[in-house]
């Protein structure tokens, strides 16, 4: 009986740690993409002469940010 309780507790703990790792990884990827990679990609578009491609992307992301309520006014 004690072995069964230990096994259930161990499985529960491993599940919680795996879920925490997934949430942490997702947060780090989102932070890196939104603060570093996305602006670098847009700057690369502008340097390569693809301003007509970069501008609609910036507008779409801005509208989505406003609708989602993530944009804060000063």
C-alpha atoms as a PDB file:
ATOM      1  CA  UNK A   1       0.000   0.000   0.000  1.00  0.00           C
ATOM      2  CA  UNK A   2       2.833   2.363   0.843  1.00  0.00           C
ATOM      3  CA  UNK A   3       4.463   1.583  -2.503  1.00  0.00           C
ATOM      4  CA  UNK A   4       1.242   2.464  -4.311  1.00  0.00           C
ATOM      5  CA  UNK A   5       0.995   5.811  -2.494  1.00  0.00           C
ATOM      6  CA  UNK A   6       4.652   6.526  -3.253  1.00  0.00           C
ATOM      7  CA  UNK A   7       4.156   5.676  -6.952  1.00  0.00           C
ATOM      8  CA  UNK A   8       1.080   7.907  -7.224  1.00  0.00           C
ATOM      9  CA  UNK A   9       2.922  10.752  -5.487  1.00  0.00           C
ATOM     10  CA  UNK A  10       5.949  10.332  -7.723  1.00  0.00           C
ATOM     11  CA  UNK A  11       3.838  10.337 -10.898  1.00  0.00           C
ATOM     12  CA  UNK A  12       1.981  13.446  -9.672  1.00  0.00           C
ATOM     13  CA  UNK A  13       5.254  15.238  -8.893  1.00  0.00           C
ATOM     14  CA  UNK A  14       6.811  14.356 -12.269  1.00  0.00           C
ATOM     15  CA  UNK A  15       3.659  15.582 -14.047  1.00  0.00           C
ATOM     16  CA  UNK A  16       3.749  18.901 -12.151  1.00  0.00           C
ATOM     17  CA  UNK A  17       7.454  19.427 -12.866  1.00  0.00           C
ATOM     18  CA  UNK A  18       6.977  18.615 -16.562  1.00  0.00           C
ATOM     19  CA  UNK A  19       4.023  21.027 -16.777  1.00  0.00           C
ATOM     20  CA  UNK A  20       6.035  23.747 -15.026  1.00  0.00           C
ATOM     21  CA  UNK A  21       8.915  23.194 -17.456  1.00  0.00           C
ATOM     22  CA  UNK A  22       6.544  23.481 -20.424  1.00  0.00           C
ATOM     23  CA  UNK A  23       5.061  26.745 -19.114  1.00  0.00           C
ATOM     24  CA  UNK A  24       8.507  28.177 -18.412  1.00  0.00           C
ATOM     25  CA  UNK A  25       9.789  27.231 -21.854  1.00  0.00           C
ATOM     26  CA  UNK A  26       6.716  28.705 -23.547  1.00  0.00           C
ATOM     27  CA  UNK A  27       7.165  31.979 -21.622  1.00  0.00           C
ATOM     28  CA  UNK A  28      10.844  32.246 -22.515  1.00  0.00           C
ATOM     29  CA  UNK A  29      10.179  31.534 -26.213  1.00  0.00           C
ATOM     30  CA  UNK A  30       7.374  34.109 -26.300  1.00  0.00           C
ATOM     31  CA  UNK A  31       9.578  36.709 -24.615  1.00  0.00           C
ATOM     32  CA  UNK A  32      12.509  36.080 -26.962  1.00  0.00           C
ATOM     33  CA  UNK A  33      10.329  36.149 -30.056  1.00  0.00           C
ATOM     34  CA  UNK A  34       8.474  39.326 -29.154  1.00  0.00           C
ATOM     35  CA  UNK A  35      11.455  41.330 -27.930  1.00  0.00           C
ATOM     36  CA  UNK A  36      14.371  40.113 -30.056  1.00  0.00           C
ATOM     37  CA  UNK A  37      13.499  37.979 -33.063  1.00  0.00           C
ATOM     38  CA  UNK A  38      10.400  39.775 -34.375  1.00  0.00           C
ATOM     39  CA  UNK A  39      12.041  43.239 -34.577  1.00  0.00           C
ATOM     40  CA  UNK A  40      15.178  41.731 -36.149  1.00  0.00           C
ATOM     41  CA  UNK A  41      13.043  39.997 -38.803  1.00  0.00           C
ATOM     42  CA  UNK A  42      11.216  43.249 -39.577  1.00  0.00           C
ATOM     43  CA  UNK A  43      14.479  45.213 -39.781  1.00  0.00           C
ATOM     44  CA  UNK A  44      15.822  42.525 -42.117  1.00  0.00           C
ATOM     45  CA  UNK A  45      12.744  42.921 -44.324  1.00  0.00           C
ATOM     46  CA  UNK A  46      13.314  46.673 -44.516  1.00  0.00           C
ATOM     47  CA  UNK A  47      17.030  46.292 -45.285  1.00  0.00           C
ATOM     48  CA  UNK A  48      16.267  43.739 -48.003  1.00  0.00           C
ATOM     49  CA  UNK A  49      13.797  46.126 -49.602  1.00  0.00           C
ATOM     50  CA  UNK A  50      10.670  44.278 -48.513  1.00  0.00           C
ATOM     51  CA  UNK A  51       9.019  47.240 -46.811  1.00  0.00           C
ATOM     52  CA  UNK A  52       5.753  46.406 -48.559  1.00  0.00           C
ATOM     53  CA  UNK A  53       5.818  43.059 -46.753  1.00  0.00           C
ATOM     54  CA  UNK A  54       6.986  44.385 -43.378  1.00  0.00           C
ATOM     55  CA  UNK A  55       4.420  47.183 -43.143  1.00  0.00           C
ATOM     56  CA  UNK A  56       1.291  44.966 -43.262  1.00  0.00           C
ATOM     57  CA  UNK A  57       2.864  42.633 -40.708  1.00  0.00           C
ATOM     58  CA  UNK A  58       3.500  45.555 -38.335  1.00  0.00           C
ATOM     59  CA  UNK A  59      -0.045  46.842 -38.829  1.00  0.00           C
ATOM     60  CA  UNK A  60      -1.582  43.397 -38.234  1.00  0.00           C
ATOM     61  CA  UNK A  61       0.460  42.793 -35.089  1.00  0.00           C
ATOM     62  CA  UNK A  62      -0.420  46.280 -33.810  1.00  0.00           C
ATOM     63  CA  UNK A  63      -4.148  45.707 -34.314  1.00  0.00           C
ATOM     64  CA  UNK A  64      -3.964  42.303 -32.634  1.00  0.00           C
ATOM     65  CA  UNK A  65      -2.083  43.831 -29.694  1.00  0.00           C
ATOM     66  CA  UNK A  66      -4.691  46.558 -29.317  1.00  0.00           C
ATOM     67  CA  UNK A  67      -7.571  44.106 -29.477  1.00  0.00           C
ATOM     68  CA  UNK A  68      -5.906  41.731 -27.019  1.00  0.00           C
ATOM     69  CA  UNK A  69      -5.370  44.604 -24.589  1.00  0.00           C
ATOM     70  CA  UNK A  70      -1.652  44.078 -24.359  1.00  0.00           C
ATOM     71  CA  UNK A  71      -0.789  47.571 -25.575  1.00  0.00           C
ATOM     72  CA  UNK A  72      -0.599  50.112 -22.741  1.00  0.00           C
ATOM     73  CA  UNK A  73      -0.893  53.840 -23.273  1.00  0.00           C
ATOM     74  CA  UNK A  74       1.360  56.202 -21.390  1.00  0.00           C
END
